[in-house]
Amino acid sequence: MRTKEEVYDLIFDLNEEAHSKAWDTWEESDRLMDSEDEDDWDRAEEVKEEASEEQAGYFREMLEQYPGLLEEAMHYAETDESFKMEWEAWYCPWLDEDDE
């Protein structure tokens, strides 16, 4: 089993790469937030949610390339609150609820 630090470093890097892949959607959200049209602000929040889900999707895909990493990350998320906060922000466990 990898150490908590090794797991964190791996998932941090995966999240950074996932963020890069979802960059255009994040950028669209920022553009809408900078608009003077209030309707765009509402749309910006929707696009931000889309970007987050898109990023989580990339993150999950890349996570699969590392056997055992998902289980290790979940283990450390159960034992360390700050790890859990980062993990949940990147993995978005609520997406699994949509599958049920």
N, C-alpha and C. Protein backbone atom coordinates (compact mmCIF):
# COMPACT_ATOMS: atom_id res chain seq x y z
N MET A 1 0.85 -1.18 0.00
CA MET A 1 0.00 0.00 0.00
C MET A 1 0.90 1.25 0.00
N ARG A 2 0.50 2.21 -0.81
CA ARG A 2 1.23 3.47 -0.87
C ARG A 2 0.96 4.28 0.40
N THR A 3 1.90 5.15 0.72
CA THR A 3 1.69 6.03 1.87
C THR A 3 0.65 7.09 1.52
N LYS A 4 0.13 7.72 2.55
CA LYS A 4 -0.86 8.79 2.34
C LYS A 4 -0.26 9.89 1.47
N GLU A 5 0.99 10.23 1.70
CA GLU A 5 1.65 11.28 0.92
C GLU A 5 1.80 10.88 -0.54
N GLU A 6 2.15 9.62 -0.79
CA GLU A 6 2.27 9.15 -2.17
C GLU A 6 0.92 9.19 -2.88
N VAL A 7 -0.11 8.75 -2.19
CA VAL A 7 -1.46 8.76 -2.77
C VAL A 7 -1.89 10.19 -3.03
N TYR A 8 -1.67 11.07 -2.07
CA TYR A 8 -2.06 12.46 -2.25
C TYR A 8 -1.33 13.08 -3.44
N ASP A 9 -0.03 12.85 -3.54
CA ASP A 9 0.73 13.41 -4.65
C ASP A 9 0.19 12.93 -6.00
N LEU A 10 -0.14 11.65 -6.07
CA LEU A 10 -0.69 11.09 -7.31
C LEU A 10 -2.04 11.71 -7.66
N ILE A 11 -2.94 11.75 -6.69
CA ILE A 11 -4.27 12.27 -7.02
C ILE A 11 -4.23 13.78 -7.24
N PHE A 12 -3.32 14.49 -6.57
CA PHE A 12 -3.15 15.92 -6.82
C PHE A 12 -2.77 16.14 -8.27
N ASP A 13 -1.77 15.38 -8.73
CA ASP A 13 -1.33 15.51 -10.13
C ASP A 13 -2.44 15.14 -11.11
N LEU A 14 -3.20 14.10 -10.79
CA LEU A 14 -4.31 13.72 -11.66
C LEU A 14 -5.36 14.82 -11.72
N ASN A 15 -5.63 15.44 -10.59
CA ASN A 15 -6.61 16.52 -10.57
C ASN A 15 -6.13 17.71 -11.39
N GLU A 16 -4.85 18.02 -11.30
CA GLU A 16 -4.29 19.13 -12.09
C GLU A 16 -4.44 18.84 -13.59
N GLU A 17 -4.16 17.61 -13.97
CA GLU A 17 -4.31 17.23 -15.38
C GLU A 17 -5.78 17.26 -15.80
N ALA A 18 -6.66 16.80 -14.93
CA ALA A 18 -8.10 16.83 -15.22
C ALA A 18 -8.57 18.27 -15.37
N HIS A 19 -8.07 19.15 -14.52
CA HIS A 19 -8.44 20.56 -14.60
C HIS A 19 -8.01 21.15 -15.94
N SER A 20 -6.82 20.78 -16.38
CA SER A 20 -6.34 21.25 -17.68
C SER A 20 -7.23 20.78 -18.82
N LYS A 21 -7.69 19.53 -18.72
CA LYS A 21 -8.55 18.99 -19.77
C LYS A 21 -9.92 19.68 -19.79
N ALA A 22 -10.37 20.15 -18.64
CA ALA A 22 -11.68 20.83 -18.55
C ALA A 22 -11.52 22.35 -18.62
N TRP A 23 -10.36 22.81 -18.97
CA TRP A 23 -10.03 24.24 -18.94
C TRP A 23 -11.02 25.10 -19.72
N ASP A 24 -11.39 24.68 -20.90
CA ASP A 24 -12.29 25.50 -21.73
C ASP A 24 -13.63 25.75 -21.03
N THR A 25 -14.14 24.75 -20.35
CA THR A 25 -15.42 24.91 -19.66
C THR A 25 -15.26 25.85 -18.47
N TRP A 26 -14.16 25.70 -17.71
CA TRP A 26 -13.90 26.62 -16.60
C TRP A 26 -13.76 28.05 -17.12
N GLU A 27 -13.09 28.19 -18.23
CA GLU A 27 -12.88 29.52 -18.82
C GLU A 27 -14.21 30.14 -19.26
N GLU A 28 -15.10 29.33 -19.81
CA GLU A 28 -16.43 29.80 -20.21
C GLU A 28 -17.20 30.31 -18.99
N SER A 29 -17.10 29.60 -17.88
CA SER A 29 -17.76 30.03 -16.65
C SER A 29 -17.22 31.38 -16.20
N ASP A 30 -15.92 31.54 -16.24
CA ASP A 30 -15.31 32.82 -15.85
C ASP A 30 -15.76 33.95 -16.77
N ARG A 31 -15.83 33.65 -18.06
CA ARG A 31 -16.26 34.67 -19.02
C ARG A 31 -17.68 35.13 -18.72
N LEU A 32 -18.55 34.18 -18.41
CA LEU A 32 -19.94 34.52 -18.10
C LEU A 32 -20.04 35.32 -16.79
N MET A 33 -19.21 35.00 -15.82
CA MET A 33 -19.23 35.73 -14.55
C MET A 33 -18.79 37.18 -14.74
N ASP A 34 -17.92 37.41 -15.71
CA ASP A 34 -17.43 38.76 -15.97
C ASP A 34 -18.40 39.61 -16.78
N SER A 35 -19.46 38.98 -17.26
CA SER A 35 -20.45 39.67 -18.07
C SER A 35 -21.23 40.68 -17.21
N GLU A 36 -21.77 41.66 -17.86
CA GLU A 36 -22.61 42.63 -17.17
C GLU A 36 -24.08 42.20 -17.18
N ASP A 37 -24.40 41.17 -17.92
CA ASP A 37 -25.76 40.65 -18.02
C ASP A 37 -26.02 39.68 -16.86
N GLU A 38 -26.99 39.98 -16.03
CA GLU A 38 -27.29 39.14 -14.87
C GLU A 38 -27.71 37.73 -15.26
N ASP A 39 -28.33 37.56 -16.42
CA ASP A 39 -28.71 36.23 -16.89
C ASP A 39 -27.46 35.37 -17.10
N ASP A 40 -26.38 36.00 -17.52
CA ASP A 40 -25.13 35.28 -17.72
C ASP A 40 -24.58 34.77 -16.39
N TRP A 41 -24.84 35.49 -15.30
CA TRP A 41 -24.33 35.05 -14.00
C TRP A 41 -24.98 33.74 -13.58
N ASP A 42 -26.29 33.63 -13.82
CA ASP A 42 -26.97 32.37 -13.52
C ASP A 42 -26.41 31.24 -14.38
N ARG A 43 -26.21 31.54 -15.64
CA ARG A 43 -25.64 30.54 -16.56
C ARG A 43 -24.22 30.18 -16.14
N ALA A 44 -23.48 31.14 -15.61
CA ALA A 44 -22.11 30.89 -15.17
C ALA A 44 -22.08 29.83 -14.08
N GLU A 45 -23.04 29.89 -13.17
CA GLU A 45 -23.10 28.89 -12.10
C GLU A 45 -23.38 27.50 -12.68
N GLU A 46 -24.24 27.43 -13.67
CA GLU A 46 -24.52 26.15 -14.33
C GLU A 46 -23.27 25.62 -15.03
N VAL A 47 -22.57 26.51 -15.71
CA VAL A 47 -21.36 26.10 -16.43
C VAL A 47 -20.27 25.68 -15.45
N LYS A 48 -20.21 26.34 -14.30
CA LYS A 48 -19.24 25.96 -13.27
C LYS A 48 -19.52 24.53 -12.78
N GLU A 49 -20.79 24.20 -12.59
CA GLU A 49 -21.15 22.84 -12.20
C GLU A 49 -20.77 21.85 -13.30
N GLU A 50 -21.01 22.23 -14.55
CA GLU A 50 -20.64 21.38 -15.68
C GLU A 50 -19.13 21.15 -15.70
N ALA A 51 -18.38 22.22 -15.47
CA ALA A 51 -16.92 22.13 -15.47
C ALA A 51 -16.43 21.20 -14.36
N SER A 52 -17.04 21.32 -13.20
CA SER A 52 -16.67 20.48 -12.08
C SER A 52 -16.93 19.01 -12.38
N GLU A 53 -18.08 18.72 -12.96
CA GLU A 53 -18.41 17.34 -13.32
C GLU A 53 -17.51 16.83 -14.44
N GLU A 54 -17.21 17.69 -15.40
CA GLU A 54 -16.32 17.30 -16.49
C GLU A 54 -14.93 16.97 -15.93
N GLN A 55 -14.45 17.84 -15.06
CA GLN A 55 -13.14 17.62 -14.45
C GLN A 55 -13.13 16.31 -13.64
N ALA A 56 -14.17 16.08 -12.87
CA ALA A 56 -14.26 14.85 -12.09
C ALA A 56 -14.27 13.63 -13.01
N GLY A 57 -14.93 13.74 -14.14
CA GLY A 57 -14.95 12.63 -15.09
C GLY A 57 -13.56 12.30 -15.61
N TYR A 58 -12.81 13.33 -15.97
CA TYR A 58 -11.42 13.10 -16.41
C TYR A 58 -10.59 12.52 -15.26
N PHE A 59 -10.78 13.06 -14.07
CA PHE A 59 -10.05 12.59 -12.90
C PHE A 59 -10.32 11.10 -12.68
N ARG A 60 -11.58 10.70 -12.75
CA ARG A 60 -11.95 9.31 -12.54
C ARG A 60 -11.36 8.40 -13.62
N GLU A 61 -11.38 8.86 -14.86
CA GLU A 61 -10.79 8.07 -15.95
C GLU A 61 -9.31 7.83 -15.72
N MET A 62 -8.59 8.88 -15.34
CA MET A 62 -7.15 8.75 -15.12
C MET A 62 -6.86 7.91 -13.88
N LEU A 63 -7.71 8.00 -12.89
CA LEU A 63 -7.56 7.23 -11.65
C LEU A 63 -7.55 5.73 -11.95
N GLU A 64 -8.32 5.33 -12.93
CA GLU A 64 -8.41 3.91 -13.29
C GLU A 64 -7.08 3.36 -13.82
N GLN A 65 -6.19 4.23 -14.23
CA GLN A 65 -4.90 3.79 -14.77
C GLN A 65 -3.93 3.36 -13.67
N TYR A 66 -4.33 3.56 -12.41
CA TYR A 66 -3.48 3.23 -11.27
C TYR A 66 -4.19 2.19 -10.40
N PRO A 67 -3.89 0.92 -10.63
CA PRO A 67 -4.55 -0.13 -9.85
C PRO A 67 -4.41 0.11 -8.34
N GLY A 68 -5.52 0.01 -7.65
CA GLY A 68 -5.52 0.14 -6.20
C GLY A 68 -5.58 1.56 -5.69
N LEU A 69 -5.36 2.55 -6.54
CA LEU A 69 -5.31 3.93 -6.08
C LEU A 69 -6.66 4.41 -5.55
N LEU A 70 -7.73 4.03 -6.19
CA LEU A 70 -9.06 4.42 -5.72
C LEU A 70 -9.29 3.92 -4.29
N GLU A 71 -9.00 2.67 -4.07
CA GLU A 71 -9.21 2.08 -2.74
C GLU A 71 -8.30 2.74 -1.70
N GLU A 72 -7.06 3.01 -2.08
CA GLU A 72 -6.13 3.65 -1.15
C GLU A 72 -6.59 5.06 -0.81
N ALA A 73 -7.03 5.79 -1.80
CA ALA A 73 -7.50 7.16 -1.56
C ALA A 73 -8.74 7.14 -0.67
N MET A 74 -9.64 6.21 -0.92
CA MET A 74 -10.84 6.12 -0.09
C MET A 74 -10.48 5.76 1.35
N HIS A 75 -9.48 4.91 1.51
CA HIS A 75 -9.02 4.53 2.85
C HIS A 75 -8.51 5.76 3.60
N TYR A 76 -7.65 6.53 2.96
CA TYR A 76 -7.08 7.71 3.62
C TYR A 76 -8.14 8.79 3.84
N ALA A 77 -9.12 8.85 2.97
CA ALA A 77 -10.22 9.81 3.15
C ALA A 77 -11.03 9.47 4.40
N GLU A 78 -11.09 8.20 4.74
CA GLU A 78 -11.82 7.78 5.94
C GLU A 78 -11.07 8.10 7.23
N THR A 79 -9.75 8.24 7.12
CA THR A 79 -8.93 8.41 8.33
C THR A 79 -8.37 9.81 8.51
N ASP A 80 -8.51 10.68 7.50
CA ASP A 80 -7.92 12.01 7.57
C ASP A 80 -8.91 13.03 6.99
N GLU A 81 -9.38 13.93 7.81
CA GLU A 81 -10.42 14.87 7.39
C GLU A 81 -9.96 15.82 6.28
N SER A 82 -8.74 16.33 6.35
CA SER A 82 -8.28 17.25 5.30
C SER A 82 -8.08 16.51 3.98
N PHE A 83 -7.60 15.27 4.05
CA PHE A 83 -7.49 14.44 2.85
C PHE A 83 -8.87 14.22 2.26
N LYS A 84 -9.83 13.93 3.12
CA LYS A 84 -11.21 13.68 2.69
C LYS A 84 -11.79 14.88 1.94
N MET A 85 -11.53 16.08 2.45
CA MET A 85 -12.08 17.28 1.80
C MET A 85 -11.53 17.43 0.38
N GLU A 86 -10.23 17.24 0.23
CA GLU A 86 -9.63 17.33 -1.12
C GLU A 86 -10.16 16.22 -2.01
N TRP A 87 -10.16 15.00 -1.49
CA TRP A 87 -10.62 13.84 -2.24
C TRP A 87 -12.04 14.04 -2.77
N GLU A 88 -12.93 14.46 -1.89
CA GLU A 88 -14.32 14.64 -2.31
C GLU A 88 -14.47 15.77 -3.31
N ALA A 89 -13.67 16.80 -3.20
CA ALA A 89 -13.73 17.90 -4.17
C ALA A 89 -13.28 17.43 -5.55
N TRP A 90 -12.33 16.52 -5.59
CA TRP A 90 -11.80 16.06 -6.87
C TRP A 90 -12.57 14.88 -7.43
N TYR A 91 -12.95 13.95 -6.59
CA TYR A 91 -13.63 12.73 -7.04
C TYR A 91 -15.13 12.93 -7.23
N CYS A 92 -15.71 13.86 -6.50
CA CYS A 92 -17.15 14.17 -6.56
C CYS A 92 -18.00 12.91 -6.34
N PRO A 93 -17.97 12.36 -5.12
CA PRO A 93 -18.70 11.11 -4.87
C PRO A 93 -20.20 11.21 -5.13
N TRP A 94 -20.77 12.39 -5.09
CA TRP A 94 -22.20 12.54 -5.36
C TRP A 94 -22.54 12.13 -6.79
N LEU A 95 -21.57 12.09 -7.69
CA LEU A 95 -21.83 11.63 -9.05
C LEU A 95 -22.23 10.16 -9.07
N ASP A 96 -21.76 9.38 -8.10
CA ASP A 96 -22.14 7.98 -8.02
C ASP A 96 -23.61 7.82 -7.67
N GLU A 97 -24.17 8.77 -6.96
CA GLU A 97 -25.58 8.71 -6.58
C GLU A 97 -26.47 8.81 -7.81
N ASP A 98 -25.99 9.48 -8.85
CA ASP A 98 -26.77 9.60 -10.09
C ASP A 98 -26.89 8.27 -10.81
N ASP A 99 -25.91 7.38 -10.56
CA ASP A 99 -25.91 6.07 -11.21
C ASP A 99 -26.92 5.11 -10.61
N GLU A 100 -27.37 5.40 -9.40
CA GLU A 100 -28.27 4.48 -8.69
C GLU A 100 -29.69 4.59 -9.15
